[in-house]
Amino acid sequence: MALEVFSSSPSLDQFQPLEEYQSSTPATFFSGKPVLHYHNPSCTIRISASDLASNPTFSTLQPAPTSTASKPNGETNGATPTNDDTTIEIQAWITSSHFTIFSPSASKGLHIPYPSISLHAQQGNGLYMQLILSDMRHASDDELETLEITITPGTQSAAPPSMETIAAADVSKTEIEKLYQAVSDCADLHPDPDPEEENQEGMAGLMASLQGGGDVDLSSGGWITAENMHEHLDAEGNVVFPGQDEAMDGEGLGPGAGTRRGAEEDGEDADGVGDGEETKWRRTG
């Protein structure tokens, strides 16, 4: 699933606090503000320099290079490069819709879909995540493009007003524990699609078509398989049985199919009285 780049810093009024959501009955489950599970304005993200250079989406978080003369150890504004990794200062917004990070120094942010997070784990005081950047529906395991990042939450001196209740409830937890729990809870809201279920649904639809479509000519091998299924489908993907098209056109039903006959054609008069012994009816009234 694609990552979404945006330029405006999120604000607290765009979200509904988790405590408020849990204490009320939503008017609808299909619209409304995303629920904010965790927010920390002082986090850092660590990513390898090679991955950052090869990934244009994540490189948008890196601020433009500035003079390092006044910065100790060659630090740049908002980013600290090392031999192998680059650390960028970010804000973290863990909501029911996306894992959102924003770089104030670059004025860029990313919405990360939860299904693209293939692995997340607490690693020391940071949250390690492995992201899948490829479309998993059209790529094999060997072709998947992955990216590893580590997000370290900073200590918050004071919780925002809308987060005070949540902060009070989690007072015994460290920042990394709060972050990990929020990501776990939100990821559970977005389960990965099960390929086996999709295949079962497809087979169920096929079996329903077979049950209602009449007899199938199995002389070619006895079964409809993945190899010969295309022989039994029309241009719109519907199951077509042998002779079905001909039957719909009135052909292949035998001589006389669809022909209308009058009583006189059988040698019978208007009263239904015939000369032969085969007369079966009489008209009355």
C-alpha atoms as a PDB file:
ATOM      1  CA  MET A   1       0.000   0.000   0.000  1.00  0.00           C
ATOM      2  CA  ALA A   2       1.329   3.406  -0.951  1.00  0.00           C
ATOM      3  CA  LEU A   3       2.601   5.920   1.581  1.00  0.00           C
ATOM      4  CA  GLU A   4       0.950   9.328   1.409  1.00  0.00           C
ATOM      5  CA  VAL A   5       3.062  12.491   1.599  1.00  0.00           C
ATOM      6  CA  PHE A   6       1.508  15.671   3.022  1.00  0.00           C
ATOM      7  CA  SER A   7       2.770  19.159   3.842  1.00  0.00           C
ATOM      8  CA  SER A   8       0.601  20.581   6.643  1.00  0.00           C
ATOM      9  CA  SER A   9       1.274  19.715  10.261  1.00  0.00           C
ATOM     10  CA  PRO A  10      -1.615  17.783  11.865  1.00  0.00           C
ATOM     11  CA  SER A  11      -3.491  19.457  14.710  1.00  0.00           C
ATOM     12  CA  LEU A  12      -5.203  17.938  17.724  1.00  0.00           C
ATOM     13  CA  ASP A  13      -8.629  19.196  16.700  1.00  0.00           C
ATOM     14  CA  GLN A  14      -8.490  16.924  13.636  1.00  0.00           C
ATOM     15  CA  PHE A  15      -8.813  13.862  15.864  1.00  0.00           C
ATOM     16  CA  GLN A  16     -11.057  12.486  18.583  1.00  0.00           C
ATOM     17  CA  PRO A  17      -9.240  11.579  21.823  1.00  0.00           C
ATOM     18  CA  LEU A  18      -9.354   7.883  22.656  1.00  0.00           C
ATOM     19  CA  GLU A  19     -10.867   8.446  26.104  1.00  0.00           C
ATOM     20  CA  GLU A  20     -13.667  10.542  24.638  1.00  0.00           C
ATOM     21  CA  TYR A  21     -14.344   7.906  22.004  1.00  0.00           C
ATOM     22  CA  GLN A  22     -14.461   5.104  24.579  1.00  0.00           C
ATOM     23  CA  SER A  23     -16.813   6.996  26.908  1.00  0.00           C
ATOM     24  CA  SER A  24     -19.449   7.787  24.280  1.00  0.00           C
ATOM     25  CA  THR A  25     -21.527   5.997  21.685  1.00  0.00           C
ATOM     26  CA  PRO A  26     -20.583   7.165  18.187  1.00  0.00           C
ATOM     27  CA  ALA A  27     -23.395   8.381  15.973  1.00  0.00           C
ATOM     28  CA  THR A  28     -21.948   6.347  13.120  1.00  0.00           C
ATOM     29  CA  PHE A  29     -19.153   3.849  12.688  1.00  0.00           C
ATOM     30  CA  PHE A  30     -18.433   4.830   9.088  1.00  0.00           C
ATOM     31  CA  SER A  31     -17.507   8.502   9.390  1.00  0.00           C
ATOM     32  CA  GLY A  32     -16.212  11.029  11.862  1.00  0.00           C
ATOM     33  CA  LYS A  33     -12.796  12.049  13.065  1.00  0.00           C
ATOM     34  CA  PRO A  34     -10.036   9.451  13.377  1.00  0.00           C
ATOM     35  CA  VAL A  35      -9.412   8.390  16.960  1.00  0.00           C
ATOM     36  CA  LEU A  36      -6.097   9.585  18.412  1.00  0.00           C
ATOM     37  CA  HIS A  37      -4.450   6.775  20.382  1.00  0.00           C
ATOM     38  CA  TYR A  38      -1.064   8.402  20.954  1.00  0.00           C
ATOM     39  CA  HIS A  39       0.694  11.662  20.150  1.00  0.00           C
ATOM     40  CA  ASN A  40       4.255  12.717  20.873  1.00  0.00           C
ATOM     41  CA  PRO A  41       5.697  15.916  19.378  1.00  0.00           C
ATOM     42  CA  SER A  42       9.310  15.062  20.250  1.00  0.00           C
ATOM     43  CA  CYS A  43      10.287  11.800  18.571  1.00  0.00           C
ATOM     44  CA  THR A  44      13.147  10.766  16.348  1.00  0.00           C
ATOM     45  CA  ILE A  45      13.194   8.359  13.433  1.00  0.00           C
ATOM     46  CA  ARG A  46      16.343   6.437  12.554  1.00  0.00           C
ATOM     47  CA  ILE A  47      16.810   5.057   9.059  1.00  0.00           C
ATOM     48  CA  SER A  48      19.870   3.806   7.231  1.00  0.00           C
ATOM     49  CA  ALA A  49      21.544   6.349   4.993  1.00  0.00           C
ATOM     50  CA  SER A  50      21.364   3.991   2.007  1.00  0.00           C
ATOM     51  CA  ASP A  51      17.629   3.378   2.454  1.00  0.00           C
ATOM     52  CA  LEU A  52      16.994   7.079   2.869  1.00  0.00           C
ATOM     53  CA  ALA A  53      18.921   7.875  -0.306  1.00  0.00           C
ATOM     54  CA  SER A  54      17.109   5.202  -2.337  1.00  0.00           C
ATOM     55  CA  ASN A  55      13.613   5.997  -1.088  1.00  0.00           C
ATOM     56  CA  PRO A  56      12.283   9.340  -2.343  1.00  0.00           C
ATOM     57  CA  THR A  57       9.208   9.143  -0.110  1.00  0.00           C
ATOM     58  CA  PHE A  58      11.105   8.978   3.170  1.00  0.00           C
ATOM     59  CA  SER A  59      13.772  11.368   1.921  1.00  0.00           C
ATOM     60  CA  THR A  60      11.123  14.122   1.948  1.00  0.00           C
ATOM     61  CA  LEU A  61      11.351  14.054   5.754  1.00  0.00           C
ATOM     62  CA  GLN A  62      14.977  15.108   5.624  1.00  0.00           C
ATOM     63  CA  PRO A  63      15.449  18.885   5.838  1.00  0.00           C
ATOM     64  CA  ALA A  64      17.453  20.684   3.205  1.00  0.00           C
ATOM     65  CA  PRO A  65      21.188  20.736   4.008  1.00  0.00           C
ATOM     66  CA  THR A  66      22.354  23.810   5.878  1.00  0.00           C
ATOM     67  CA  SER A  67      25.708  25.129   6.962  1.00  0.00           C
ATOM     68  CA  THR A  68      27.306  22.980   9.651  1.00  0.00           C
ATOM     69  CA  ALA A  69      29.724  25.651  10.856  1.00  0.00           C
ATOM     70  CA  SER A  70      27.644  26.522  13.907  1.00  0.00           C
ATOM     71  CA  LYS A  71      26.513  22.957  14.611  1.00  0.00           C
ATOM     72  CA  PRO A  72      28.554  20.598  16.797  1.00  0.00           C
ATOM     73  CA  ASN A  73      29.583  17.243  15.326  1.00  0.00           C
ATOM     74  CA  GLY A  74      28.344  18.275  11.888  1.00  0.00           C
ATOM     75  CA  GLU A  75      24.667  18.224  12.871  1.00  0.00           C
ATOM     76  CA  THR A  76      22.187  19.785  10.477  1.00  0.00           C
ATOM     77  CA  ASN A  77      18.873  21.338  11.327  1.00  0.00           C
ATOM     78  CA  GLY A  78      16.525  18.491  12.299  1.00  0.00           C
ATOM     79  CA  ALA A  79      18.727  15.632  11.062  1.00  0.00           C
ATOM     80  CA  THR A  80      21.836  13.961  12.468  1.00  0.00           C
ATOM     81  CA  PRO A  81      23.738  11.857   9.920  1.00  0.00           C
ATOM     82  CA  THR A  82      26.149   9.119  11.010  1.00  0.00           C
ATOM     83  CA  ASN A  83      28.245   6.705   9.000  1.00  0.00           C
ATOM     84  CA  ASP A  84      25.350   4.269   8.583  1.00  0.00           C
ATOM     85  CA  ASP A  85      22.148   5.876   9.862  1.00  0.00           C
ATOM     86  CA  THR A  86      20.343   9.195   9.717  1.00  0.00           C
ATOM     87  CA  THR A  87      18.226  10.422  12.617  1.00  0.00           C
ATOM     88  CA  ILE A  88      15.431  12.909  11.919  1.00  0.00           C
ATOM     89  CA  GLU A  89      13.332  14.782  14.467  1.00  0.00           C
ATOM     90  CA  ILE A  90       9.633  14.089  13.942  1.00  0.00           C
ATOM     91  CA  GLN A  91       6.205  14.235  15.535  1.00  0.00           C
ATOM     92  CA  ALA A  92       4.224  11.002  15.904  1.00  0.00           C
ATOM     93  CA  TRP A  93       0.447  10.727  15.561  1.00  0.00           C
ATOM     94  CA  ILE A  94      -0.925   7.218  16.079  1.00  0.00           C
ATOM     95  CA  THR A  95      -4.556   7.282  14.964  1.00  0.00           C
ATOM     96  CA  SER A  96      -7.197   4.751  14.036  1.00  0.00           C
ATOM     97  CA  SER A  97      -6.708   5.535  10.349  1.00  0.00           C
ATOM     98  CA  HIS A  98      -2.928   5.871   9.885  1.00  0.00           C
ATOM     99  CA  PHE A  99       0.461   5.817  11.524  1.00  0.00           C
ATOM    100  CA  THR A 100       1.387   9.447  10.872  1.00  0.00           C
ATOM    101  CA  ILE A 101       4.777  11.103  11.235  1.00  0.00           C
ATOM    102  CA  PHE A 102       5.657  14.722  10.507  1.00  0.00           C
ATOM    103  CA  SER A 103       9.016  16.440  10.167  1.00  0.00           C
ATOM    104  CA  PRO A 104       8.731  20.104  11.276  1.00  0.00           C
ATOM    105  CA  SER A 105      12.147  20.981   9.858  1.00  0.00           C
ATOM    106  CA  ALA A 106      11.174  19.722   6.391  1.00  0.00           C
ATOM    107  CA  SER A 107       7.460  20.634   6.649  1.00  0.00           C
ATOM    108  CA  LYS A 108       6.655  17.192   5.268  1.00  0.00           C
ATOM    109  CA  GLY A 109       4.862  14.214   6.716  1.00  0.00           C
ATOM    110  CA  LEU A 110       3.868  10.659   5.859  1.00  0.00           C
ATOM    111  CA  HIS A 111       0.667   8.698   6.363  1.00  0.00           C
ATOM    112  CA  ILE A 112       1.706   5.048   6.760  1.00  0.00           C
ATOM    113  CA  PRO A 113      -1.112   2.485   6.249  1.00  0.00           C
ATOM    114  CA  TYR A 114      -1.133  -0.135   8.991  1.00  0.00           C
ATOM    115  CA  PRO A 115      -1.261  -3.120   6.575  1.00  0.00           C
ATOM    116  CA  SER A 116       2.127  -1.997   5.242  1.00  0.00           C
ATOM    117  CA  ILE A 117       3.655  -2.493   8.718  1.00  0.00           C
ATOM    118  CA  SER A 118       4.673  -6.140   8.493  1.00  0.00           C
ATOM    119  CA  LEU A 119       6.516  -6.154  11.822  1.00  0.00           C
ATOM    120  CA  HIS A 120       6.765  -3.878  14.835  1.00  0.00           C
ATOM    121  CA  ALA A 121       8.508  -4.568  18.115  1.00  0.00           C
ATOM    122  CA  GLN A 122       9.810  -2.750  21.149  1.00  0.00           C
ATOM    123  CA  GLN A 123      13.576  -2.475  20.832  1.00  0.00           C
ATOM    124  CA  GLY A 124      15.111  -0.841  23.882  1.00  0.00           C
ATOM    125  CA  ASN A 125      13.591   2.617  24.151  1.00  0.00           C
ATOM    126  CA  GLY A 126      12.568   2.634  20.478  1.00  0.00           C
ATOM    127  CA  LEU A 127       9.928   1.061  18.255  1.00  0.00           C
ATOM    128  CA  TYR A 128      11.395  -1.028  15.443  1.00  0.00           C
ATOM    129  CA  MET A 129       9.210  -1.352  12.347  1.00  0.00           C
ATOM    130  CA  GLN A 130       9.597  -3.190   9.066  1.00  0.00           C
ATOM    131  CA  LEU A 131       7.551  -1.667   6.268  1.00  0.00           C
ATOM    132  CA  ILE A 132       6.500  -3.343   3.025  1.00  0.00           C
ATOM    133  CA  LEU A 133       6.506  -0.758   0.258  1.00  0.00           C
ATOM    134  CA  SER A 134       5.445  -3.089  -2.575  1.00  0.00           C
ATOM    135  CA  ASP A 135       1.896  -4.015  -3.504  1.00  0.00           C
ATOM    136  CA  MET A 136       1.590  -7.395  -1.798  1.00  0.00           C
ATOM    137  CA  ARG A 137      -1.246  -8.422  -4.132  1.00  0.00           C
ATOM    138  CA  HIS A 138       0.966  -8.327  -7.215  1.00  0.00           C
ATOM    139  CA  ALA A 139       4.448  -9.134  -5.894  1.00  0.00           C
ATOM    140  CA  SER A 140       6.019 -12.390  -4.793  1.00  0.00           C
ATOM    141  CA  ASP A 141       7.901 -12.718  -1.521  1.00  0.00           C
ATOM    142  CA  ASP A 142      11.201 -12.389  -3.365  1.00  0.00           C
ATOM    143  CA  GLU A 143      10.107  -9.145  -5.047  1.00  0.00           C
ATOM    144  CA  LEU A 144       8.848  -7.312  -1.950  1.00  0.00           C
ATOM    145  CA  GLU A 145      10.526  -3.981  -1.236  1.00  0.00           C
ATOM    146  CA  THR A 146      11.015  -3.515   2.504  1.00  0.00           C
ATOM    147  CA  LEU A 147      12.293  -0.697   4.690  1.00  0.00           C
ATOM    148  CA  GLU A 148      13.400  -0.745   8.325  1.00  0.00           C
ATOM    149  CA  ILE A 149      12.980   2.237  10.649  1.00  0.00           C
ATOM    150  CA  THR A 150      13.197   2.842  14.387  1.00  0.00           C
ATOM    151  CA  ILE A 151      11.120   5.524  16.106  1.00  0.00           C
ATOM    152  CA  THR A 152      12.201   6.691  19.544  1.00  0.00           C
ATOM    153  CA  PRO A 153       9.670   8.731  21.546  1.00  0.00           C
ATOM    154  CA  GLY A 154      10.948  11.594  23.665  1.00  0.00           C
ATOM    155  CA  THR A 155       9.841  12.331  27.210  1.00  0.00           C
ATOM    156  CA  GLN A 156       6.841  14.628  27.229  1.00  0.00           C
ATOM    157  CA  SER A 157       7.063  17.405  29.834  1.00  0.00           C
ATOM    158  CA  ALA A 158       3.313  18.007  29.747  1.00  0.00           C
ATOM    159  CA  ALA A 159       0.490  16.270  27.951  1.00  0.00           C
ATOM    160  CA  PRO A 160      -1.716  18.319  25.630  1.00  0.00           C
ATOM    161  CA  PRO A 161      -5.103  19.209  27.173  1.00  0.00           C
ATOM    162  CA  SER A 162      -6.984  16.688  25.063  1.00  0.00           C
ATOM    163  CA  MET A 163      -4.526  13.951  26.031  1.00  0.00           C
ATOM    164  CA  GLU A 164      -4.454  14.585  29.797  1.00  0.00           C
ATOM    165  CA  THR A 165      -6.975  11.831  30.585  1.00  0.00           C
ATOM    166  CA  ILE A 166      -5.089   9.279  28.523  1.00  0.00           C
ATOM    167  CA  ALA A 167      -1.798  10.336  30.067  1.00  0.00           C
ATOM    168  CA  ALA A 168      -3.245   9.943  33.569  1.00  0.00           C
ATOM    169  CA  ALA A 169      -4.483   6.437  32.760  1.00  0.00           C
ATOM    170  CA  ASP A 170      -1.060   5.423  31.403  1.00  0.00           C
ATOM    171  CA  VAL A 171       1.032   7.097  34.092  1.00  0.00           C
ATOM    172  CA  SER A 172       2.688   3.787  34.974  1.00  0.00           C
ATOM    173  CA  LYS A 173       3.794   3.155  31.381  1.00  0.00           C
ATOM    174  CA  THR A 174       6.906   4.465  29.700  1.00  0.00           C
ATOM    175  CA  GLU A 175       6.642   6.404  26.452  1.00  0.00           C
ATOM    176  CA  ILE A 176       7.821   3.451  24.385  1.00  0.00           C
ATOM    177  CA  GLU A 177       5.227   1.210  26.021  1.00  0.00           C
ATOM    178  CA  LYS A 178       2.482   3.711  25.206  1.00  0.00           C
ATOM    179  CA  LEU A 179       3.693   3.984  21.614  1.00  0.00           C
ATOM    180  CA  TYR A 180       3.932   0.221  21.166  1.00  0.00           C
ATOM    181  CA  GLN A 181       0.475  -0.362  22.651  1.00  0.00           C
ATOM    182  CA  ALA A 182      -1.092   2.317  20.448  1.00  0.00           C
ATOM    183  CA  VAL A 183       0.430   0.873  17.269  1.00  0.00           C
ATOM    184  CA  SER A 184      -0.649  -2.650  18.247  1.00  0.00           C
ATOM    185  CA  ASP A 185      -4.231  -1.569  18.947  1.00  0.00           C
ATOM    186  CA  CYS A 186      -4.545   0.406  15.715  1.00  0.00           C
ATOM    187  CA  ALA A 187      -2.938  -2.322  13.618  1.00  0.00           C
ATOM    188  CA  ASP A 188      -5.602  -4.732  14.898  1.00  0.00           C
ATOM    189  CA  LEU A 189      -8.216  -2.433  13.362  1.00  0.00           C
ATOM    190  CA  HIS A 190      -6.708  -3.054   9.909  1.00  0.00           C
ATOM    191  CA  PRO A 191      -6.211  -6.829   9.482  1.00  0.00           C
ATOM    192  CA  ASP A 192      -4.329  -8.051   6.458  1.00  0.00           C
ATOM    193  CA  PRO A 193      -6.486  -9.534   3.673  1.00  0.00           C
ATOM    194  CA  ASP A 194      -6.418 -13.336   3.723  1.00  0.00           C
ATOM    195  CA  PRO A 195      -5.579 -14.714   0.242  1.00  0.00           C
ATOM    196  CA  GLU A 196      -7.122 -18.079   1.154  1.00  0.00           C
ATOM    197  CA  GLU A 197     -10.452 -16.433   1.993  1.00  0.00           C
ATOM    198  CA  GLU A 198     -10.426 -14.630  -1.354  1.00  0.00           C
ATOM    199  CA  ASN A 199      -9.809 -17.933  -3.129  1.00  0.00           C
ATOM    200  CA  GLN A 200     -12.597 -19.597  -1.150  1.00  0.00           C
ATOM    201  CA  GLU A 201     -15.006 -16.804  -2.064  1.00  0.00           C
ATOM    202  CA  GLY A 202     -14.091 -17.223  -5.716  1.00  0.00           C
ATOM    203  CA  MET A 203     -14.650 -20.978  -5.567  1.00  0.00           C
ATOM    204  CA  ALA A 204     -17.949 -20.483  -3.724  1.00  0.00           C
ATOM    205  CA  GLY A 205     -19.144 -18.212  -6.512  1.00  0.00           C
ATOM    206  CA  LEU A 206     -18.074 -20.736  -9.112  1.00  0.00           C
ATOM    207  CA  MET A 207     -19.851 -23.596  -7.339  1.00  0.00           C
ATOM    208  CA  ALA A 208     -23.020 -21.507  -7.056  1.00  0.00           C
ATOM    209  CA  SER A 209     -22.873 -20.899 -10.792  1.00  0.00           C
ATOM    210  CA  LEU A 210     -22.341 -24.588 -11.453  1.00  0.00           C
ATOM    211  CA  GLN A 211     -25.289 -25.589  -9.282  1.00  0.00           C
ATOM    212  CA  GLY A 212     -27.645 -23.209 -11.060  1.00  0.00           C
ATOM    213  CA  GLY A 213     -26.291 -23.458 -14.562  1.00  0.00           C
ATOM    214  CA  GLY A 214     -27.205 -26.966 -15.652  1.00  0.00           C
ATOM    215  CA  ASP A 215     -25.012 -29.826 -16.748  1.00  0.00           C
ATOM    216  CA  VAL A 216     -21.395 -29.374 -17.670  1.00  0.00           C
ATOM    217  CA  ASP A 217     -19.692 -31.339 -20.406  1.00  0.00           C
ATOM    218  CA  LEU A 218     -16.901 -33.082 -18.576  1.00  0.00           C
ATOM    219  CA  SER A 219     -15.800 -35.228 -21.491  1.00  0.00           C
ATOM    220  CA  SER A 220     -12.539 -33.310 -21.823  1.00  0.00           C
ATOM    221  CA  GLY A 221     -11.242 -34.488 -18.481  1.00  0.00           C
ATOM    222  CA  GLY A 222     -14.012 -34.618 -15.936  1.00  0.00           C
ATOM    223  CA  TRP A 223     -13.176 -31.490 -13.928  1.00  0.00           C
ATOM    224  CA  ILE A 224     -13.000 -27.734 -14.210  1.00  0.00           C
ATOM    225  CA  THR A 225      -9.502 -26.794 -13.075  1.00  0.00           C
ATOM    226  CA  ALA A 226      -7.372 -23.671 -12.985  1.00  0.00           C
ATOM    227  CA  GLU A 227      -5.872 -24.762 -16.300  1.00  0.00           C
ATOM    228  CA  ASN A 228      -9.147 -25.129 -18.222  1.00  0.00           C
ATOM    229  CA  MET A 229     -11.370 -22.664 -16.340  1.00  0.00           C
ATOM    230  CA  HIS A 230     -10.920 -20.088 -19.109  1.00  0.00           C
ATOM    231  CA  GLU A 231     -12.720 -22.472 -21.453  1.00  0.00           C
ATOM    232  CA  HIS A 232     -15.882 -22.149 -19.346  1.00  0.00           C
ATOM    233  CA  LEU A 233     -15.926 -18.358 -18.859  1.00  0.00           C
ATOM    234  CA  ASP A 234     -17.264 -15.643 -21.128  1.00  0.00           C
ATOM    235  CA  ALA A 235     -15.775 -12.178 -21.634  1.00  0.00           C
ATOM    236  CA  GLU A 236     -17.449 -10.918 -18.445  1.00  0.00           C
ATOM    237  CA  GLY A 237     -16.197 -13.766 -16.270  1.00  0.00           C
ATOM    238  CA  ASN A 238     -19.506 -15.663 -16.121  1.00  0.00           C
ATOM    239  CA  VAL A 239     -19.590 -19.443 -16.317  1.00  0.00           C
ATOM    240  CA  VAL A 240     -20.773 -20.625 -19.752  1.00  0.00           C
ATOM    241  CA  PHE A 241     -21.880 -24.206 -20.228  1.00  0.00           C
ATOM    242  CA  PRO A 242     -21.613 -26.140 -23.494  1.00  0.00           C
ATOM    243  CA  GLY A 243     -24.572 -25.336 -25.763  1.00  0.00           C
ATOM    244  CA  GLN A 244     -25.814 -22.560 -23.489  1.00  0.00           C
ATOM    245  CA  ASP A 245     -25.455 -19.858 -26.159  1.00  0.00           C
ATOM    246  CA  GLU A 246     -27.257 -21.999 -28.714  1.00  0.00           C
ATOM    247  CA  ALA A 247     -30.094 -22.685 -26.289  1.00  0.00           C
ATOM    248  CA  MET A 248     -30.535 -19.009 -25.613  1.00  0.00           C
ATOM    249  CA  ASP A 249     -30.847 -18.341 -29.348  1.00  0.00           C
ATOM    250  CA  GLY A 250     -33.502 -21.019 -29.761  1.00  0.00           C
ATOM    251  CA  GLU A 251     -31.106 -23.353 -31.545  1.00  0.00           C
ATOM    252  CA  GLY A 252     -30.079 -26.819 -30.554  1.00  0.00           C
ATOM    253  CA  LEU A 253     -33.488 -27.558 -28.974  1.00  0.00           C
ATOM    254  CA  GLY A 254     -34.651 -29.943 -31.658  1.00  0.00           C
ATOM    255  CA  PRO A 255     -36.963 -29.531 -34.677  1.00  0.00           C
ATOM    256  CA  GLY A 256     -40.110 -27.511 -34.089  1.00  0.00           C
ATOM    257  CA  ALA A 257     -38.834 -25.729 -30.975  1.00  0.00           C
ATOM    258  CA  GLY A 258     -40.496 -22.348 -30.664  1.00  0.00           C
ATOM    259  CA  THR A 259     -43.089 -23.003 -33.419  1.00  0.00           C
ATOM    260  CA  ARG A 260     -46.735 -22.036 -32.754  1.00  0.00           C
ATOM    261  CA  ARG A 261     -49.459 -24.302 -34.037  1.00  0.00           C
ATOM    262  CA  GLY A 262     -53.208 -23.785 -34.418  1.00  0.00           C
ATOM    263  CA  ALA A 263     -55.858 -26.359 -33.756  1.00  0.00           C
ATOM    264  CA  GLU A 264     -56.660 -26.642 -37.492  1.00  0.00           C
ATOM    265  CA  GLU A 265     -53.126 -27.762 -38.245  1.00  0.00           C
ATOM    266  CA  ASP A 266     -53.807 -30.965 -36.386  1.00  0.00           C
ATOM    267  CA  GLY A 267     -56.857 -31.720 -38.553  1.00  0.00           C
ATOM    268  CA  GLU A 268     -59.373 -30.619 -35.937  1.00  0.00           C
ATOM    269  CA  ASP A 269     -62.290 -28.192 -36.444  1.00  0.00           C
ATOM    270  CA  ALA A 270     -63.072 -25.128 -34.389  1.00  0.00           C
ATOM    271  CA  ASP A 271     -65.196 -27.168 -31.990  1.00  0.00           C
ATOM    272  CA  GLY A 272     -62.331 -29.441 -31.272  1.00  0.00           C
ATOM    273  CA  VAL A 273     -64.046 -32.416 -32.910  1.00  0.00           C
ATOM    274  CA  GLY A 274     -61.721 -34.369 -35.133  1.00  0.00           C
ATOM    275  CA  ASP A 275     -62.192 -37.330 -37.349  1.00  0.00           C
ATOM    276  CA  GLY A 276     -59.365 -39.297 -35.934  1.00  0.00           C
ATOM    277  CA  GLU A 277     -59.103 -41.305 -32.759  1.00  0.00           C
ATOM    278  CA  GLU A 278     -56.345 -39.049 -31.496  1.00  0.00           C
ATOM    279  CA  THR A 279     -58.692 -36.209 -30.526  1.00  0.00           C
ATOM    280  CA  LYS A 280     -57.911 -35.313 -26.911  1.00  0.00           C
ATOM    281  CA  TRP A 281     -60.045 -32.250 -26.190  1.00  0.00           C
ATOM    282  CA  ARG A 282     -63.302 -30.435 -26.871  1.00  0.00           C
ATOM    283  CA  ARG A 283     -64.082 -26.751 -26.618  1.00  0.00           C
ATOM    284  CA  THR A 284     -67.153 -25.938 -24.553  1.00  0.00           C
ATOM    285  CA  GLY A 285     -69.158 -22.762 -23.979  1.00  0.00           C
END
